[in-house]
């Protein structure tokens, strides 16, 4: 089964002609499912920290952790920084 046939199109890329900060996340997830972790990171560098953050959020729903809000906030800031830096690098090349 080819998962790329089921991917959503990027409307920013379709209408404005350039990538958005989220471009590449779907293909990166496909690479992870295929076991190609390096390609996933190269395509979307924030993929692993995003998975970590959402995994922590899901665990926190089941088990309440002390200082969970602070941990989630730190992970969110780290993700925004990684996404922003990698996006600016991508559009500058």
N, C-alpha and C. Protein backbone atom coordinates (compact mmCIF):
# COMPACT_ATOMS: atom_id res chain seq x y z
N UNK A 1 0.85 -1.18 0.00
CA UNK A 1 0.00 0.00 0.00
C UNK A 1 0.89 1.24 0.00
N UNK A 2 0.62 2.15 -0.90
CA UNK A 2 1.39 3.38 -1.01
C UNK A 2 0.69 4.48 -0.23
N UNK A 3 1.21 4.83 0.94
CA UNK A 3 0.58 5.84 1.80
C UNK A 3 0.60 7.23 1.20
N UNK A 4 1.52 7.48 0.28
CA UNK A 4 1.61 8.81 -0.32
C UNK A 4 0.37 9.14 -1.16
N UNK A 5 -0.39 8.14 -1.56
CA UNK A 5 -1.62 8.38 -2.31
C UNK A 5 -2.72 8.98 -1.43
N UNK A 6 -2.57 8.88 -0.11
CA UNK A 6 -3.60 9.34 0.81
C UNK A 6 -3.23 10.63 1.53
N UNK A 7 -2.16 11.27 1.12
CA UNK A 7 -1.71 12.49 1.80
C UNK A 7 -2.54 13.70 1.39
N UNK A 8 -2.73 14.59 2.35
CA UNK A 8 -3.45 15.83 2.08
C UNK A 8 -2.52 16.81 1.37
N UNK A 9 -3.05 17.57 0.43
CA UNK A 9 -2.21 18.56 -0.25
C UNK A 9 -1.98 19.78 0.64
N UNK A 10 -0.89 20.46 0.43
CA UNK A 10 -0.60 21.70 1.15
C UNK A 10 -1.27 22.84 0.39
N UNK A 11 -2.25 23.46 1.03
CA UNK A 11 -2.99 24.54 0.37
C UNK A 11 -2.12 25.78 0.18
N UNK A 12 -1.20 26.02 1.09
CA UNK A 12 -0.29 27.16 0.92
C UNK A 12 0.55 26.96 -0.33
N UNK A 13 1.06 25.76 -0.50
CA UNK A 13 1.88 25.48 -1.67
C UNK A 13 1.05 25.52 -2.96
N UNK A 14 -0.19 25.04 -2.89
CA UNK A 14 -1.05 25.04 -4.07
C UNK A 14 -1.43 26.46 -4.50
N UNK A 15 -1.79 27.30 -3.53
CA UNK A 15 -2.31 28.62 -3.87
C UNK A 15 -1.26 29.72 -3.92
N UNK A 16 -0.22 29.60 -3.09
CA UNK A 16 0.81 30.65 -3.05
C UNK A 16 2.10 30.22 -3.72
N UNK A 17 2.28 28.92 -3.94
CA UNK A 17 3.44 28.44 -4.65
C UNK A 17 4.69 28.24 -3.83
N UNK A 18 4.59 28.30 -2.49
CA UNK A 18 5.76 28.02 -1.67
C UNK A 18 5.37 27.20 -0.44
N UNK A 19 6.37 26.54 0.13
CA UNK A 19 6.14 25.66 1.27
C UNK A 19 5.66 26.44 2.49
N UNK A 20 4.90 25.75 3.33
CA UNK A 20 4.51 26.30 4.63
C UNK A 20 5.39 25.66 5.70
N UNK A 21 5.35 26.13 6.94
CA UNK A 21 6.18 25.52 7.99
C UNK A 21 5.85 24.05 8.27
N UNK A 22 4.68 23.59 7.86
CA UNK A 22 4.30 22.20 8.09
C UNK A 22 4.57 21.28 6.93
N UNK A 23 5.03 21.83 5.81
CA UNK A 23 5.29 20.99 4.63
C UNK A 23 6.35 19.95 4.95
N UNK A 24 6.03 18.72 4.66
CA UNK A 24 6.97 17.62 4.87
C UNK A 24 6.62 16.74 6.04
N UNK A 25 5.70 17.17 6.90
CA UNK A 25 5.42 16.38 8.10
C UNK A 25 4.74 15.05 7.76
N UNK A 26 3.85 15.05 6.77
CA UNK A 26 3.18 13.80 6.40
C UNK A 26 4.17 12.79 5.83
N UNK A 27 5.01 13.24 4.91
CA UNK A 27 6.00 12.33 4.32
C UNK A 27 7.00 11.87 5.37
N UNK A 28 7.31 12.75 6.32
CA UNK A 28 8.21 12.38 7.40
C UNK A 28 7.60 11.26 8.26
N UNK A 29 6.31 11.34 8.53
CA UNK A 29 5.64 10.28 9.27
C UNK A 29 5.65 8.97 8.50
N UNK A 30 5.50 9.05 7.19
CA UNK A 30 5.56 7.84 6.36
C UNK A 30 6.95 7.22 6.45
N UNK A 31 7.99 8.05 6.40
CA UNK A 31 9.35 7.53 6.55
C UNK A 31 9.54 6.84 7.90
N UNK A 32 8.96 7.40 8.96
CA UNK A 32 9.06 6.76 10.27
C UNK A 32 8.36 5.40 10.25
N UNK A 33 7.18 5.34 9.66
CA UNK A 33 6.45 4.07 9.57
C UNK A 33 7.22 3.04 8.75
N UNK A 34 8.02 3.50 7.80
CA UNK A 34 8.84 2.60 6.99
C UNK A 34 10.17 2.28 7.66
N UNK A 35 10.46 2.94 8.78
CA UNK A 35 11.70 2.68 9.51
C UNK A 35 12.88 3.50 9.06
N UNK A 36 12.66 4.48 8.22
CA UNK A 36 13.75 5.33 7.73
C UNK A 36 13.80 6.62 8.54
N UNK A 37 14.40 6.53 9.73
CA UNK A 37 14.39 7.63 10.68
C UNK A 37 15.26 8.81 10.25
N UNK A 38 16.36 8.53 9.59
CA UNK A 38 17.23 9.60 9.11
C UNK A 38 16.52 10.44 8.04
N UNK A 39 15.86 9.77 7.11
CA UNK A 39 15.13 10.50 6.07
C UNK A 39 13.99 11.32 6.68
N UNK A 40 13.34 10.77 7.69
CA UNK A 40 12.27 11.50 8.37
C UNK A 40 12.82 12.78 9.01
N UNK A 41 13.96 12.67 9.67
CA UNK A 41 14.57 13.85 10.30
C UNK A 41 15.03 14.86 9.25
N UNK A 42 15.63 14.38 8.18
CA UNK A 42 16.11 15.29 7.14
C UNK A 42 14.96 16.03 6.47
N UNK A 43 13.84 15.38 6.32
CA UNK A 43 12.68 16.00 5.68
C UNK A 43 11.98 16.98 6.61
N UNK A 44 11.84 16.62 7.89
CA UNK A 44 11.14 17.48 8.85
C UNK A 44 11.82 17.34 10.20
N UNK A 45 12.79 18.20 10.51
CA UNK A 45 13.61 18.04 11.72
C UNK A 45 12.84 18.02 13.04
N UNK A 46 11.66 18.58 13.10
CA UNK A 46 10.92 18.62 14.36
C UNK A 46 10.07 17.37 14.59
N UNK A 47 10.14 16.40 13.71
CA UNK A 47 9.23 15.26 13.80
C UNK A 47 9.37 14.49 15.11
N UNK A 48 10.57 14.28 15.58
CA UNK A 48 10.75 13.47 16.79
C UNK A 48 10.35 14.23 18.04
N UNK A 49 10.63 15.53 18.09
CA UNK A 49 10.20 16.30 19.26
C UNK A 49 8.68 16.50 19.25
N UNK A 50 8.08 16.56 18.08
CA UNK A 50 6.61 16.63 18.02
C UNK A 50 5.99 15.32 18.53
N UNK A 51 6.55 14.20 18.11
CA UNK A 51 6.05 12.91 18.58
C UNK A 51 6.22 12.80 20.09
N UNK A 52 7.37 13.25 20.59
CA UNK A 52 7.62 13.25 22.03
C UNK A 52 6.58 14.10 22.76
N UNK A 53 6.31 15.30 22.25
CA UNK A 53 5.36 16.20 22.90
C UNK A 53 3.95 15.61 22.90
N UNK A 54 3.49 15.14 21.75
CA UNK A 54 2.14 14.59 21.68
C UNK A 54 2.02 13.29 22.47
N UNK A 55 3.09 12.50 22.49
CA UNK A 55 3.09 11.30 23.33
C UNK A 55 2.99 11.64 24.80
N UNK A 56 3.71 12.67 25.23
CA UNK A 56 3.64 13.11 26.62
C UNK A 56 2.25 13.63 26.96
N UNK A 57 1.65 14.38 26.03
CA UNK A 57 0.29 14.90 26.26
C UNK A 57 -0.69 13.74 26.42
N UNK A 58 -0.58 12.72 25.57
CA UNK A 58 -1.47 11.56 25.69
C UNK A 58 -1.25 10.82 27.00
N UNK A 59 0.01 10.64 27.39
CA UNK A 59 0.29 9.99 28.67
C UNK A 59 -0.24 10.80 29.84
N UNK A 60 -0.15 12.12 29.72
CA UNK A 60 -0.63 12.98 30.80
C UNK A 60 -2.15 12.91 30.95
N UNK A 61 -2.86 12.62 29.88
CA UNK A 61 -4.31 12.43 30.00
C UNK A 61 -4.64 11.20 30.82
N UNK A 62 -3.81 10.16 30.68
CA UNK A 62 -4.06 8.91 31.41
C UNK A 62 -3.47 8.96 32.82
N UNK A 63 -2.25 9.42 32.91
CA UNK A 63 -1.55 9.52 34.19
C UNK A 63 -1.20 10.99 34.41
N UNK A 64 -1.64 11.56 35.48
CA UNK A 64 -1.36 12.97 35.72
C UNK A 64 0.04 13.10 36.30
N UNK A 65 0.88 13.86 35.59
CA UNK A 65 2.26 14.09 36.03
C UNK A 65 2.37 15.45 36.71
N UNK A 66 3.23 15.50 37.72
CA UNK A 66 3.54 16.80 38.31
C UNK A 66 4.33 17.61 37.29
N UNK A 67 4.09 18.89 37.26
CA UNK A 67 4.78 19.82 36.36
C UNK A 67 4.58 19.47 34.89
N UNK A 68 3.45 18.84 34.57
CA UNK A 68 3.17 18.45 33.19
C UNK A 68 3.02 19.69 32.31
N UNK A 69 2.35 20.70 32.83
CA UNK A 69 2.12 21.90 32.01
C UNK A 69 3.45 22.58 31.66
N UNK A 70 4.38 22.60 32.61
CA UNK A 70 5.69 23.19 32.34
C UNK A 70 6.44 22.37 31.29
N UNK A 71 6.39 21.05 31.39
CA UNK A 71 7.06 20.17 30.44
C UNK A 71 6.47 20.34 29.04
N UNK A 72 5.15 20.40 28.97
CA UNK A 72 4.49 20.59 27.67
C UNK A 72 4.85 21.95 27.08
N UNK A 73 4.90 22.96 27.92
CA UNK A 73 5.26 24.30 27.45
C UNK A 73 6.69 24.33 26.91
N UNK A 74 7.60 23.68 27.60
CA UNK A 74 9.00 23.64 27.15
C UNK A 74 9.09 22.89 25.82
N UNK A 75 8.41 21.75 25.72
CA UNK A 75 8.43 20.99 24.47
C UNK A 75 7.80 21.79 23.33
N UNK A 76 6.75 22.54 23.62
CA UNK A 76 6.12 23.37 22.59
C UNK A 76 7.07 24.45 22.09
N UNK A 77 7.78 25.10 23.01
CA UNK A 77 8.74 26.14 22.63
C UNK A 77 9.87 25.55 21.80
N UNK A 78 10.37 24.40 22.22
CA UNK A 78 11.43 23.72 21.46
C UNK A 78 10.94 23.40 20.06
N UNK A 79 9.71 22.89 19.94
CA UNK A 79 9.17 22.56 18.62
C UNK A 79 9.00 23.80 17.75
N UNK A 80 8.50 24.87 18.31
CA UNK A 80 8.34 26.11 17.54
C UNK A 80 9.70 26.60 17.06
N UNK A 81 10.70 26.51 17.91
CA UNK A 81 12.05 26.95 17.52
C UNK A 81 12.60 26.07 16.39
N UNK A 82 12.49 24.77 16.52
CA UNK A 82 13.01 23.86 15.49
C UNK A 82 12.26 24.07 14.17
N UNK A 83 10.94 24.18 14.24
CA UNK A 83 10.14 24.38 13.02
C UNK A 83 10.50 25.71 12.38
N UNK A 84 10.62 26.76 13.17
CA UNK A 84 10.94 28.08 12.62
C UNK A 84 12.32 28.12 11.98
N UNK A 85 13.31 27.60 12.68
CA UNK A 85 14.68 27.61 12.15
C UNK A 85 14.77 26.78 10.87
N UNK A 86 14.19 25.58 10.89
CA UNK A 86 14.28 24.73 9.69
C UNK A 86 13.48 25.34 8.53
N UNK A 87 12.38 26.02 8.82
CA UNK A 87 11.60 26.66 7.75
C UNK A 87 12.38 27.80 7.12
N UNK A 88 13.01 28.64 7.95
CA UNK A 88 13.79 29.75 7.41
C UNK A 88 15.00 29.25 6.62
N UNK A 89 15.61 28.17 7.06
CA UNK A 89 16.70 27.57 6.29
C UNK A 89 16.18 27.06 4.95
N UNK A 90 15.02 26.40 4.97
CA UNK A 90 14.43 25.84 3.75
C UNK A 90 14.09 26.93 2.74
N UNK A 91 13.49 28.03 3.19
CA UNK A 91 13.08 29.07 2.23
C UNK A 91 14.24 29.93 1.78
N UNK A 92 15.36 29.92 2.52
CA UNK A 92 16.50 30.74 2.13
C UNK A 92 17.39 30.03 1.10
N UNK A 93 17.17 28.75 0.88
CA UNK A 93 17.99 28.01 -0.10
C UNK A 93 17.26 27.79 -1.37
